[in-house]
C-alpha atoms as a PDB file:
ATOM      1  CA  MET A   1       0.024   0.350   0.116  1.00  0.00           C
ATOM      2  CA  ARG A   2       1.323   3.530  -0.706  1.00  0.00           C
ATOM      3  CA  THR A   3       2.209   5.582   2.089  1.00  0.00           C
ATOM      4  CA  ILE A   4       0.341   8.991   2.662  1.00  0.00           C
ATOM      5  CA  ARG A   5       2.474  11.404   3.754  1.00  0.00           C
ATOM      6  CA  PRO A   6       1.368  14.776   5.347  1.00  0.00           C
ATOM      7  CA  SER A   7       3.149  16.809   3.066  1.00  0.00           C
ATOM      8  CA  GLN A   8       1.002  15.261   0.223  1.00  0.00           C
ATOM      9  CA  LEU A   9      -2.282  16.254   1.728  1.00  0.00           C
ATOM     10  CA  ASN A  10      -3.117  19.205  -0.215  1.00  0.00           C
ATOM     11  CA  GLN A  11      -5.992  20.270  -2.738  1.00  0.00           C
ATOM     12  CA  SER A  12      -4.992  17.532  -5.271  1.00  0.00           C
ATOM     13  CA  PHE A  13      -5.077  14.516  -2.677  1.00  0.00           C
ATOM     14  CA  GLN A  14      -9.283  14.905  -1.930  1.00  0.00           C
ATOM     15  CA  PRO A  15     -11.460  11.827  -1.260  1.00  0.00           C
ATOM     16  CA  GLN A  16     -12.980  10.260  -4.367  1.00  0.00           C
ATOM     17  CA  SER A  17     -16.317   9.179  -3.333  1.00  0.00           C
ATOM     18  CA  ASN A  18     -19.630  11.383  -3.064  1.00  0.00           C
ATOM     19  CA  ALA A  19     -19.884  10.192   0.583  1.00  0.00           C
ATOM     20  CA  TRP A  20     -16.487  10.775   1.865  1.00  0.00           C
ATOM     21  CA  GLN A  21     -16.209  14.263   0.136  1.00  0.00           C
ATOM     22  CA  LYS A  22     -19.716  15.169   1.991  1.00  0.00           C
ATOM     23  CA  LEU A  23     -18.395  14.234   5.272  1.00  0.00           C
ATOM     24  CA  PHE A  24     -15.024  15.352   4.752  1.00  0.00           C
ATOM     25  CA  LYS A  25     -16.419  18.822   3.448  1.00  0.00           C
ATOM     26  CA  GLU A  26     -18.636  19.312   6.354  1.00  0.00           C
ATOM     27  CA  PHE A  27     -16.056  18.330   8.993  1.00  0.00           C
ATOM     28  CA  CYS A  28     -13.951  20.985   7.597  1.00  0.00           C
ATOM     29  CA  VAL A  29     -16.566  23.408   8.032  1.00  0.00           C
ATOM     30  CA  TYR A  30     -17.159  22.215  11.652  1.00  0.00           C
ATOM     31  CA  ILE A  31     -13.532  22.446  12.609  1.00  0.00           C
ATOM     32  CA  ARG A  32     -13.090  25.724  11.572  1.00  0.00           C
ATOM     33  CA  SER A  33     -15.908  27.249  13.436  1.00  0.00           C
ATOM     34  CA  GLN A  34     -14.937  25.527  16.809  1.00  0.00           C
ATOM     35  CA  ASN A  35     -12.492  28.375  17.494  1.00  0.00           C
ATOM     36  CA  TYR A  36      -9.433  26.053  17.825  1.00  0.00           C
ATOM     37  CA  ALA A  37      -6.030  27.934  17.542  1.00  0.00           C
ATOM     38  CA  SER A  38      -5.779  28.292  13.532  1.00  0.00           C
ATOM     39  CA  SER A  39      -2.582  25.850  13.139  1.00  0.00           C
ATOM     40  CA  HIS A  40      -4.469  23.200  15.709  1.00  0.00           C
ATOM     41  CA  GLY A  41      -7.557  23.204  13.605  1.00  0.00           C
ATOM     42  CA  GLU A  42      -5.636  22.826  10.402  1.00  0.00           C
ATOM     43  CA  SER A  43      -3.479  19.852  11.930  1.00  0.00           C
ATOM     44  CA  TYR A  44      -6.784  18.059  12.753  1.00  0.00           C
ATOM     45  CA  ILE A  45      -8.438  18.289   9.507  1.00  0.00           C
ATOM     46  CA  THR A  46      -4.984  17.375   7.484  1.00  0.00           C
ATOM     47  CA  TYR A  47      -5.028  14.259  10.079  1.00  0.00           C
ATOM     48  CA  ALA A  48      -8.881  13.338   9.281  1.00  0.00           C
ATOM     49  CA  LEU A  49      -7.960  13.482   5.842  1.00  0.00           C
ATOM     50  CA  GLU A  50      -5.170  11.146   6.204  1.00  0.00           C
ATOM     51  CA  PHE A  51      -7.462   8.797   7.681  1.00  0.00           C
ATOM     52  CA  VAL A  52     -10.145   9.103   4.982  1.00  0.00           C
ATOM     53  CA  LEU A  53      -7.623   8.672   2.043  1.00  0.00           C
ATOM     54  CA  TYR A  54      -6.379   5.342   3.680  1.00  0.00           C
ATOM     55  CA  ALA A  55     -10.050   4.236   4.314  1.00  0.00           C
ATOM     56  CA  GLU A  56     -10.518   4.774   0.583  1.00  0.00           C
ATOM     57  CA  ARG A  57      -7.356   2.851  -0.316  1.00  0.00           C
ATOM     58  CA  ASN A  58      -8.582   0.133   1.651  1.00  0.00           C
ATOM     59  CA  SER A  59     -12.116  -0.053  -0.359  1.00  0.00           C
ATOM     60  CA  ARG A  60     -14.044   1.842   2.368  1.00  0.00           C
ATOM     61  CA  ARG A  61     -16.279   3.894   0.156  1.00  0.00           C
ATOM     62  CA  SER A  62     -18.034   5.697   3.052  1.00  0.00           C
ATOM     63  CA  ILE A  63     -17.396   6.162   6.946  1.00  0.00           C
ATOM     64  CA  GLY A  64     -20.368   3.756   7.566  1.00  0.00           C
ATOM     65  CA  SER A  65     -18.262   0.961   6.076  1.00  0.00           C
ATOM     66  CA  VAL A  66     -15.356   1.506   8.215  1.00  0.00           C
ATOM     67  CA  ASP A  67     -15.068  -1.060  10.867  1.00  0.00           C
ATOM     68  CA  GLY A  68     -12.922  -2.110  13.776  1.00  0.00           C
ATOM     69  CA  GLU A  69     -10.337  -3.914  11.832  1.00  0.00           C
ATOM     70  CA  THR A  70      -9.788  -1.122   9.506  1.00  0.00           C
ATOM     71  CA  LEU A  71      -9.253   1.139  12.674  1.00  0.00           C
ATOM     72  CA  ASN A  72      -6.810  -1.336  13.778  1.00  0.00           C
ATOM     73  CA  LYS A  73      -4.574  -1.587  10.881  1.00  0.00           C
ATOM     74  CA  TYR A  74      -4.804   2.357  10.485  1.00  0.00           C
ATOM     75  CA  MET A  75      -2.923   2.228  14.181  1.00  0.00           C
ATOM     76  CA  GLU A  76      -0.542  -0.221  12.779  1.00  0.00           C
ATOM     77  CA  TYR A  77      -0.034   2.053   9.752  1.00  0.00           C
ATOM     78  CA  LEU A  78       0.466   5.123  11.885  1.00  0.00           C
ATOM     79  CA  GLU A  79       3.064   3.290  14.442  1.00  0.00           C
ATOM     80  CA  SER A  80       5.051   2.424  11.369  1.00  0.00           C
ATOM     81  CA  ARG A  81       4.730   5.550   9.064  1.00  0.00           C
ATOM     82  CA  PRO A  82       7.946   7.847   9.305  1.00  0.00           C
ATOM     83  CA  ASN A  83       7.625  11.594  10.307  1.00  0.00           C
ATOM     84  CA  GLN A  84       8.162  13.294   6.854  1.00  0.00           C
ATOM     85  CA  ARG A  85      10.446  16.011   8.514  1.00  0.00           C
ATOM     86  CA  SER A  86      12.957  13.999  10.633  1.00  0.00           C
ATOM     87  CA  GLY A  87      12.341  10.202   9.292  1.00  0.00           C
ATOM     88  CA  ALA A  88      11.673   8.888  12.573  1.00  0.00           C
ATOM     89  CA  LEU A  89       8.641   7.160  13.680  1.00  0.00           C
ATOM     90  CA  LEU A  90       5.593   9.109  14.870  1.00  0.00           C
ATOM     91  CA  SER A  91       5.612   9.858  18.432  1.00  0.00           C
ATOM     92  CA  VAL A  92       2.993   8.447  20.861  1.00  0.00           C
ATOM     93  CA  GLY A  93       1.527  11.875  21.369  1.00  0.00           C
ATOM     94  CA  THR A  94       1.249  12.290  17.667  1.00  0.00           C
ATOM     95  CA  ILE A  95      -0.392   9.058  17.132  1.00  0.00           C
ATOM     96  CA  ALA A  96      -2.735   9.723  19.840  1.00  0.00           C
ATOM     97  CA  THR A  97      -3.777  13.382  18.200  1.00  0.00           C
ATOM     98  CA  HIS A  98      -4.136  11.337  14.823  1.00  0.00           C
ATOM     99  CA  ARG A  99      -6.541   8.914  16.564  1.00  0.00           C
ATOM    100  CA  ALA A 100      -8.437  11.525  18.531  1.00  0.00           C
ATOM    101  CA  CYS A 101      -8.855  13.344  15.038  1.00  0.00           C
ATOM    102  CA  VAL A 102     -10.395  10.179  13.714  1.00  0.00           C
ATOM    103  CA  GLY A 103     -12.779  10.028  16.731  1.00  0.00           C
ATOM    104  CA  MET A 104     -13.806  13.811  16.026  1.00  0.00           C
ATOM    105  CA  LEU A 105     -14.685  12.529  12.533  1.00  0.00           C
ATOM    106  CA  PHE A 106     -16.956   9.543  13.738  1.00  0.00           C
ATOM    107  CA  ASP A 107     -18.467  11.829  16.430  1.00  0.00           C
ATOM    108  CA  TYR A 108     -19.341  14.369  13.579  1.00  0.00           C
ATOM    109  CA  ALA A 109     -20.830  11.735  11.539  1.00  0.00           C
ATOM    110  CA  TYR A 110     -22.816  10.368  14.137  1.00  0.00           C
ATOM    111  CA  THR A 111     -24.211  13.598  15.302  1.00  0.00           C
ATOM    112  CA  SER A 112     -24.812  14.744  11.786  1.00  0.00           C
ATOM    113  CA  GLY A 113     -26.808  11.499  11.014  1.00  0.00           C
ATOM    114  CA  MET A 114     -24.456  10.077   8.759  1.00  0.00           C
ATOM    115  CA  ILE A 115     -23.925   6.798  10.737  1.00  0.00           C
ATOM    116  CA  ALA A 116     -25.905   5.017  13.219  1.00  0.00           C
ATOM    117  CA  TYR A 117     -23.061   4.158  15.617  1.00  0.00           C
ATOM    118  CA  THR A 118     -19.467   4.687  16.276  1.00  0.00           C
ATOM    119  CA  VAL A 119     -16.953   1.936  16.115  1.00  0.00           C
ATOM    120  CA  PRO A 120     -14.693   1.220  19.191  1.00  0.00           C
ATOM    121  CA  PHE A 121     -11.291   2.555  18.999  1.00  0.00           C
ATOM    122  CA  PRO A 122      -8.181   0.222  19.794  1.00  0.00           C
ATOM    123  CA  LYS A 123      -6.624   1.501  23.115  1.00  0.00           C
ATOM    124  CA  LEU A 124      -3.418   3.354  22.808  1.00  0.00           C
ATOM    125  CA  ILE A 125      -0.719   2.511  25.065  1.00  0.00           C
ATOM    126  CA  ARG A 126       1.479   5.276  26.361  1.00  0.00           C
ATOM    127  CA  PRO A 127       4.648   4.776  27.837  1.00  0.00           C
ATOM    128  CA  GLU A 128       5.643   5.868  31.347  1.00  0.00           C
ATOM    129  CA  ARG A 129       6.245   9.898  31.412  1.00  0.00           C
ATOM    130  CA  SER A 130       9.917  10.514  32.051  1.00  0.00           C
ATOM    131  CA  ILE A 131      10.538  12.970  35.208  1.00  0.00           C
ATOM    132  CA  ARG A 132      10.955  16.592  34.053  1.00  0.00           C
ATOM    133  CA  THR A 133      14.009  18.882  34.688  1.00  0.00           C
ATOM    134  CA  ILE A 134      13.317  21.791  37.165  1.00  0.00           C
ATOM    135  CA  LEU A 135      15.180  24.426  38.436  1.00  0.00           C
ATOM    136  CA  SER A 136      15.665  24.535  42.298  1.00  0.00           C
ATOM    137  CA  ILE A 137      14.629  27.737  44.632  1.00  0.00           C
ATOM    138  CA  GLU A 138      18.324  28.434  44.945  1.00  0.00           C
ATOM    139  CA  GLU A 139      18.816  28.066  41.537  1.00  0.00           C
ATOM    140  CA  ILE A 140      15.786  30.496  40.657  1.00  0.00           C
ATOM    141  CA  ARG A 141      17.136  33.109  43.029  1.00  0.00           C
ATOM    142  CA  SER A 142      20.519  32.884  40.883  1.00  0.00           C
ATOM    143  CA  LEU A 143      18.527  33.844  37.962  1.00  0.00           C
ATOM    144  CA  PHE A 144      17.094  36.991  39.693  1.00  0.00           C
ATOM    145  CA  ALA A 145      20.420  37.964  41.027  1.00  0.00           C
ATOM    146  CA  VAL A 146      21.937  38.302  37.328  1.00  0.00           C
ATOM    147  CA  CYS A 147      18.788  40.343  35.879  1.00  0.00           C
ATOM    148  CA  ARG A 148      20.110  43.151  34.002  1.00  0.00           C
ATOM    149  CA  ASP A 149      16.998  45.630  34.364  1.00  0.00           C
ATOM    150  CA  PRO A 150      13.535  45.750  35.677  1.00  0.00           C
ATOM    151  CA  ARG A 151      12.319  44.204  32.603  1.00  0.00           C
ATOM    152  CA  ASP A 152      14.204  41.236  32.886  1.00  0.00           C
ATOM    153  CA  THR A 153      12.829  40.931  36.521  1.00  0.00           C
ATOM    154  CA  ALA A 154       9.457  41.593  35.181  1.00  0.00           C
ATOM    155  CA  ILE A 155       9.857  38.635  32.799  1.00  0.00           C
ATOM    156  CA  LEU A 156      11.517  36.261  34.936  1.00  0.00           C
ATOM    157  CA  SER A 157       8.354  37.280  37.657  1.00  0.00           C
ATOM    158  CA  LEU A 158       6.060  36.563  34.992  1.00  0.00           C
ATOM    159  CA  ALA A 159       7.353  33.385  33.667  1.00  0.00           C
ATOM    160  CA  TYR A 160       8.078  31.609  37.101  1.00  0.00           C
ATOM    161  CA  GLY A 161       5.906  33.704  39.712  1.00  0.00           C
ATOM    162  CA  CYS A 162       2.968  33.444  37.433  1.00  0.00           C
ATOM    163  CA  GLY A 163       3.683  30.589  35.355  1.00  0.00           C
ATOM    164  CA  LEU A 164       3.050  31.976  32.537  1.00  0.00           C
ATOM    165  CA  ARG A 165       3.891  30.706  28.686  1.00  0.00           C
ATOM    166  CA  ARG A 166       5.832  32.754  26.467  1.00  0.00           C
ATOM    167  CA  ASN A 167       2.868  33.562  24.238  1.00  0.00           C
ATOM    168  CA  GLU A 168       1.139  34.555  27.318  1.00  0.00           C
ATOM    169  CA  MET A 169       3.596  37.052  28.309  1.00  0.00           C
ATOM    170  CA  ARG A 170       3.892  38.722  24.761  1.00  0.00           C
ATOM    171  CA  HIS A 171       0.278  39.375  24.737  1.00  0.00           C
ATOM    172  CA  LEU A 172      -0.163  40.851  28.128  1.00  0.00           C
ATOM    173  CA  ASP A 173      -1.805  44.462  27.938  1.00  0.00           C
ATOM    174  CA  THR A 174      -1.521  47.013  30.920  1.00  0.00           C
ATOM    175  CA  GLY A 175      -5.238  46.455  31.898  1.00  0.00           C
ATOM    176  CA  ASP A 176      -4.436  42.614  32.383  1.00  0.00           C
ATOM    177  CA  VAL A 177      -1.788  43.258  35.289  1.00  0.00           C
ATOM    178  CA  GLN A 178      -3.477  44.665  38.285  1.00  0.00           C
ATOM    179  CA  THR A 179      -0.893  45.081  41.163  1.00  0.00           C
ATOM    180  CA  HIS A 180      -3.367  46.983  43.234  1.00  0.00           C
ATOM    181  CA  ASN A 181      -5.934  44.178  43.071  1.00  0.00           C
ATOM    182  CA  ARG A 182      -3.355  41.583  43.396  1.00  0.00           C
ATOM    183  CA  ILE A 183      -4.250  39.718  40.133  1.00  0.00           C
ATOM    184  CA  LEU A 184      -3.303  39.116  36.682  1.00  0.00           C
ATOM    185  CA  TYR A 185      -5.622  38.236  33.627  1.00  0.00           C
ATOM    186  CA  VAL A 186      -4.420  36.069  30.979  1.00  0.00           C
ATOM    187  CA  ARG A 187      -6.665  36.671  27.930  1.00  0.00           C
ATOM    188  CA  GLU A 188      -4.985  35.023  25.453  1.00  0.00           C
ATOM    189  CA  GLY A 189      -3.971  31.496  26.972  1.00  0.00           C
ATOM    190  CA  LYS A 190      -3.238  28.290  25.340  1.00  0.00           C
ATOM    191  CA  GLY A 191      -6.545  27.297  23.372  1.00  0.00           C
ATOM    192  CA  ARG A 192      -7.764  31.004  23.577  1.00  0.00           C
ATOM    193  CA  LYS A 193      -8.728  30.017  27.521  1.00  0.00           C
ATOM    194  CA  TYR A 194      -9.183  33.022  30.088  1.00  0.00           C
ATOM    195  CA  ARG A 195      -7.721  32.474  33.629  1.00  0.00           C
ATOM    196  CA  SER A 196      -6.874  34.740  36.503  1.00  0.00           C
ATOM    197  CA  ILE A 197      -3.760  34.375  38.398  1.00  0.00           C
ATOM    198  CA  PRO A 198      -3.242  35.714  42.023  1.00  0.00           C
ATOM    199  CA  LEU A 199       0.086  37.634  42.422  1.00  0.00           C
ATOM    200  CA  SER A 200       2.619  37.208  45.473  1.00  0.00           C
ATOM    201  CA  ASN A 201       4.170  40.054  47.286  1.00  0.00           C
ATOM    202  CA  ALA A 202       7.628  39.471  45.457  1.00  0.00           C
ATOM    203  CA  VAL A 203       5.563  39.515  42.102  1.00  0.00           C
ATOM    204  CA  ILE A 204       4.037  42.543  42.828  1.00  0.00           C
ATOM    205  CA  SER A 205       6.989  44.317  43.967  1.00  0.00           C
ATOM    206  CA  ASN A 206       9.138  43.305  40.833  1.00  0.00           C
ATOM    207  CA  LEU A 207       6.009  44.544  38.519  1.00  0.00           C
ATOM    208  CA  LYS A 208       5.468  47.584  40.079  1.00  0.00           C
ATOM    209  CA  HIS A 209       9.127  48.612  39.851  1.00  0.00           C
ATOM    210  CA  TYR A 210       9.261  47.857  36.036  1.00  0.00           C
ATOM    211  CA  GLU A 211       5.949  49.862  35.514  1.00  0.00           C
ATOM    212  CA  ARG A 212       6.767  52.501  37.756  1.00  0.00           C
ATOM    213  CA  ASN A 213      10.745  53.048  36.958  1.00  0.00           C
ATOM    214  CA  TYR A 214      11.257  51.376  33.503  1.00  0.00           C
ATOM    215  CA  ARG A 215       8.533  51.057  31.176  1.00  0.00           C
ATOM    216  CA  PRO A 216       7.964  55.129  30.755  1.00  0.00           C
ATOM    217  CA  ARG A 217      11.676  55.191  29.893  1.00  0.00           C
ATOM    218  CA  LEU A 218      10.913  52.562  26.828  1.00  0.00           C
ATOM    219  CA  LEU A 219       8.251  54.540  25.900  1.00  0.00           C
ATOM    220  CA  GLN A 220       9.873  57.882  25.556  1.00  0.00           C
ATOM    221  CA  SER A 221      10.758  57.448  21.953  1.00  0.00           C
ATOM    222  CA  ARG A 222       7.141  57.176  20.639  1.00  0.00           C
ATOM    223  CA  MET A 223       5.012  60.317  20.084  1.00  0.00           C
ATOM    224  CA  ASP A 224       2.078  58.055  20.799  1.00  0.00           C
ATOM    225  CA  ALA A 225       3.300  56.200  23.898  1.00  0.00           C
ATOM    226  CA  VAL A 226      -0.002  56.895  25.813  1.00  0.00           C
ATOM    227  CA  ALA A 227      -2.009  54.823  23.244  1.00  0.00           C
ATOM    228  CA  GLU A 228       0.554  51.781  23.657  1.00  0.00           C
ATOM    229  CA  PRO A 229      -1.380  48.837  25.555  1.00  0.00           C
ATOM    230  CA  ALA A 230       1.314  46.216  25.497  1.00  0.00           C
ATOM    231  CA  TYR A 231       2.737  45.606  28.992  1.00  0.00           C
ATOM    232  CA  LEU A 232       6.250  44.169  27.955  1.00  0.00           C
ATOM    233  CA  LEU A 233       7.940  46.601  25.560  1.00  0.00           C
ATOM    234  CA  ASN A 234      11.152  46.676  23.448  1.00  0.00           C
ATOM    235  CA  ALA A 235      13.726  49.490  23.276  1.00  0.00           C
ATOM    236  CA  GLN A 236      11.285  51.409  20.581  1.00  0.00           C
ATOM    237  CA  GLY A 237       8.516  51.395  23.160  1.00  0.00           C
ATOM    238  CA  TYR A 238       6.608  48.728  21.298  1.00  0.00           C
ATOM    239  CA  ARG A 239       5.213  45.181  22.302  1.00  0.00           C
ATOM    240  CA  LEU A 240       7.963  42.726  23.003  1.00  0.00           C
ATOM    241  CA  ALA A 241       8.341  39.571  20.925  1.00  0.00           C
ATOM    242  CA  GLY A 242       8.295  36.333  21.893  1.00  0.00           C
ATOM    243  CA  ASN A 243      11.616  35.585  20.771  1.00  0.00           C
ATOM    244  CA  HIS A 244      12.985  38.285  22.883  1.00  0.00           C
ATOM    245  CA  ILE A 245      11.430  36.909  26.076  1.00  0.00           C
ATOM    246  CA  TYR A 246      12.684  33.533  25.225  1.00  0.00           C
ATOM    247  CA  GLU A 247      16.329  34.826  24.609  1.00  0.00           C
ATOM    248  CA  THR A 248      16.355  37.201  27.929  1.00  0.00           C
ATOM    249  CA  ILE A 249      15.615  34.017  29.777  1.00  0.00           C
ATOM    250  CA  THR A 250      18.007  31.890  28.165  1.00  0.00           C
ATOM    251  CA  GLU A 251      20.611  34.722  28.462  1.00  0.00           C
ATOM    252  CA  LEU A 252      20.087  35.022  31.932  1.00  0.00           C
ATOM    253  CA  ALA A 253      20.715  31.134  32.670  1.00  0.00           C
ATOM    254  CA  GLN A 254      24.086  31.606  30.757  1.00  0.00           C
ATOM    255  CA  HIS A 255      24.871  35.040  32.990  1.00  0.00           C
ATOM    256  CA  THR A 256      24.870  32.810  36.161  1.00  0.00           C
ATOM    257  CA  GLY A 257      28.065  31.125  35.112  1.00  0.00           C
ATOM    258  CA  SER A 258      26.619  27.902  36.882  1.00  0.00           C
ATOM    259  CA  PRO A 259      26.989  24.576  34.604  1.00  0.00           C
ATOM    260  CA  GLU A 260      24.059  23.084  36.298  1.00  0.00           C
ATOM    261  CA  ILE A 261      21.834  25.795  35.350  1.00  0.00           C
ATOM    262  CA  ILE A 262      23.152  26.005  31.963  1.00  0.00           C
ATOM    263  CA  GLU A 263      22.707  22.307  31.271  1.00  0.00           C
ATOM    264  CA  LYS A 264      19.024  22.449  32.193  1.00  0.00           C
ATOM    265  CA  ASN A 265      18.495  24.546  28.859  1.00  0.00           C
ATOM    266  CA  VAL A 266      16.444  27.294  30.977  1.00  0.00           C
ATOM    267  CA  THR A 267      13.499  28.358  28.986  1.00  0.00           C
ATOM    268  CA  PRO A 268       9.981  29.909  29.837  1.00  0.00           C
ATOM    269  CA  HIS A 269       8.553  26.673  29.861  1.00  0.00           C
ATOM    270  CA  LEU A 270      11.052  25.246  32.427  1.00  0.00           C
ATOM    271  CA  LEU A 271      10.555  27.902  34.567  1.00  0.00           C
ATOM    272  CA  ARG A 272       6.684  27.004  34.193  1.00  0.00           C
ATOM    273  CA  HIS A 273       7.394  23.381  35.341  1.00  0.00           C
ATOM    274  CA  SER A 274       9.660  24.566  38.161  1.00  0.00           C
ATOM    275  CA  ILE A 275       6.794  26.931  39.853  1.00  0.00           C
ATOM    276  CA  ALA A 276       3.991  24.072  39.241  1.00  0.00           C
ATOM    277  CA  THR A 277       6.531  21.544  41.057  1.00  0.00           C
ATOM    278  CA  HIS A 278       7.403  24.093  43.813  1.00  0.00           C
ATOM    279  CA  LEU A 279       3.696  24.844  44.420  1.00  0.00           C
ATOM    280  CA  ILE A 280       2.867  21.202  44.881  1.00  0.00           C
ATOM    281  CA  GLU A 281       5.643  20.483  47.081  1.00  0.00           C
ATOM    282  CA  ARG A 282       4.378  23.202  49.216  1.00  0.00           C
ATOM    283  CA  GLY A 283       0.958  21.376  49.608  1.00  0.00           C
ATOM    284  CA  ALA A 284      -0.971  23.452  46.796  1.00  0.00           C
ATOM    285  CA  PRO A 285      -4.124  21.499  45.912  1.00  0.00           C
ATOM    286  CA  MET A 286      -3.838  19.938  42.394  1.00  0.00           C
ATOM    287  CA  THR A 287      -7.027  21.575  41.150  1.00  0.00           C
ATOM    288  CA  TRP A 288      -5.569  25.081  42.552  1.00  0.00           C
ATOM    289  CA  VAL A 289      -2.234  24.166  40.414  1.00  0.00           C
ATOM    290  CA  GLN A 290      -4.298  23.183  37.524  1.00  0.00           C
ATOM    291  CA  ALA A 291      -6.332  26.445  37.260  1.00  0.00           C
ATOM    292  CA  PHE A 292      -3.234  28.436  38.081  1.00  0.00           C
ATOM    293  CA  LEU A 293      -1.557  27.007  35.066  1.00  0.00           C
ATOM    294  CA  GLY A 294      -4.422  26.982  32.846  1.00  0.00           C
ATOM    295  CA  HIS A 295      -4.243  23.280  32.313  1.00  0.00           C
ATOM    296  CA  ALA A 296      -7.670  21.848  30.804  1.00  0.00           C
ATOM    297  CA  ASN A 297      -6.759  18.412  31.490  1.00  0.00           C
ATOM    298  CA  PRO A 298      -5.859  17.324  34.945  1.00  0.00           C
ATOM    299  CA  ASP A 299      -3.405  14.833  33.711  1.00  0.00           C
ATOM    300  CA  SER A 300      -1.235  17.637  32.386  1.00  0.00           C
ATOM    301  CA  THR A 301      -1.020  18.807  36.027  1.00  0.00           C
ATOM    302  CA  HIS A 302      -0.540  15.396  37.739  1.00  0.00           C
ATOM    303  CA  ILE A 303       2.901  14.825  36.160  1.00  0.00           C
ATOM    304  CA  TYR A 304       4.505  17.200  38.447  1.00  0.00           C
ATOM    305  CA  THR A 305       3.768  15.015  41.298  1.00  0.00           C
ATOM    306  CA  LYS A 306       6.180  12.788  40.241  1.00  0.00           C
ATOM    307  CA  THR A 307       9.097  15.191  39.895  1.00  0.00           C
ATOM    308  CA  ARG A 308       9.932  14.992  43.773  1.00  0.00           C
ATOM    309  CA  LYS A 309       8.704  14.091  47.381  1.00  0.00           C
ATOM    310  CA  TYR A 310       6.904  16.626  48.986  1.00  0.00           C
ATOM    311  CA  GLN A 311       9.315  19.084  50.575  1.00  0.00           C
ATOM    312  CA  PRO A 312       7.334  21.971  52.106  1.00  0.00           C
ATOM    313  CA  HIS A 313      10.339  23.739  53.400  1.00  0.00           C
ATOM    314  CA  LEU A 314      11.396  24.931  49.908  1.00  0.00           C
ATOM    315  CA  LEU A 315       9.376  27.980  48.951  1.00  0.00           C
ATOM    316  CA  ALA A 316       9.605  29.221  52.708  1.00  0.00           C
END
């Protein structure tokens, strides 16, 4: 059987049968109406199309003719298909996303009345997650100690003290950071989810110093400075790019001169992992940490309990 590669899934590769064409066209409209991040939605469509083409090549002329054996063989196909970019086999996570997209296709067909029932899916066996690397409290303090200016300190406070993702920091506006109310609002979270984050005394102090003593200086070169809503600014007084935020954190790790810190490849996401683990070690409820991080799935938060044993003194 010919291997279907993601890079080949373009307009020239479309379903041939009328039944598949109708289903896939409607499914595309449905996915694009669900307010997914654009890249995610298009990936779901691509993965669903790969399954449709596979089914057609195996003489399944409609979704109603797909049985459990077809799904089992499709999973075997995914497990043996190489990644187009790296040449390595697909990761378990990628295969799980493929499987979920096929499930979405079946669910849509069922709710639309195209099929009377859905077919049971084969179980996906996930390997045990490896323990995540994190920074210790002392290593976090070392990062703060080498900050070059109040903006560096603010970025660290947002990444570690608030557990923000890089893109969440980039999209922060001045109205989102309310130090007087001890709260920060994330309006552009992953999956376009909204959440609020309580601010600690240390974070409030660092952010106020940036707001009062450094951000106004960054605005001085702009004629329309008053109208700039972005919270984190570059040297020209405009919204700080995500790459700049990333580079700031990696550079601070280098400036510590600590081989242990440098070896851990410090990124905004590593700081996010670190605060999550430190909160759980201190005894924060799992549901609270889940809300703090903006995790939709509790399993995403549960992995932090495997990093270390409970050590309540770490954040004292």
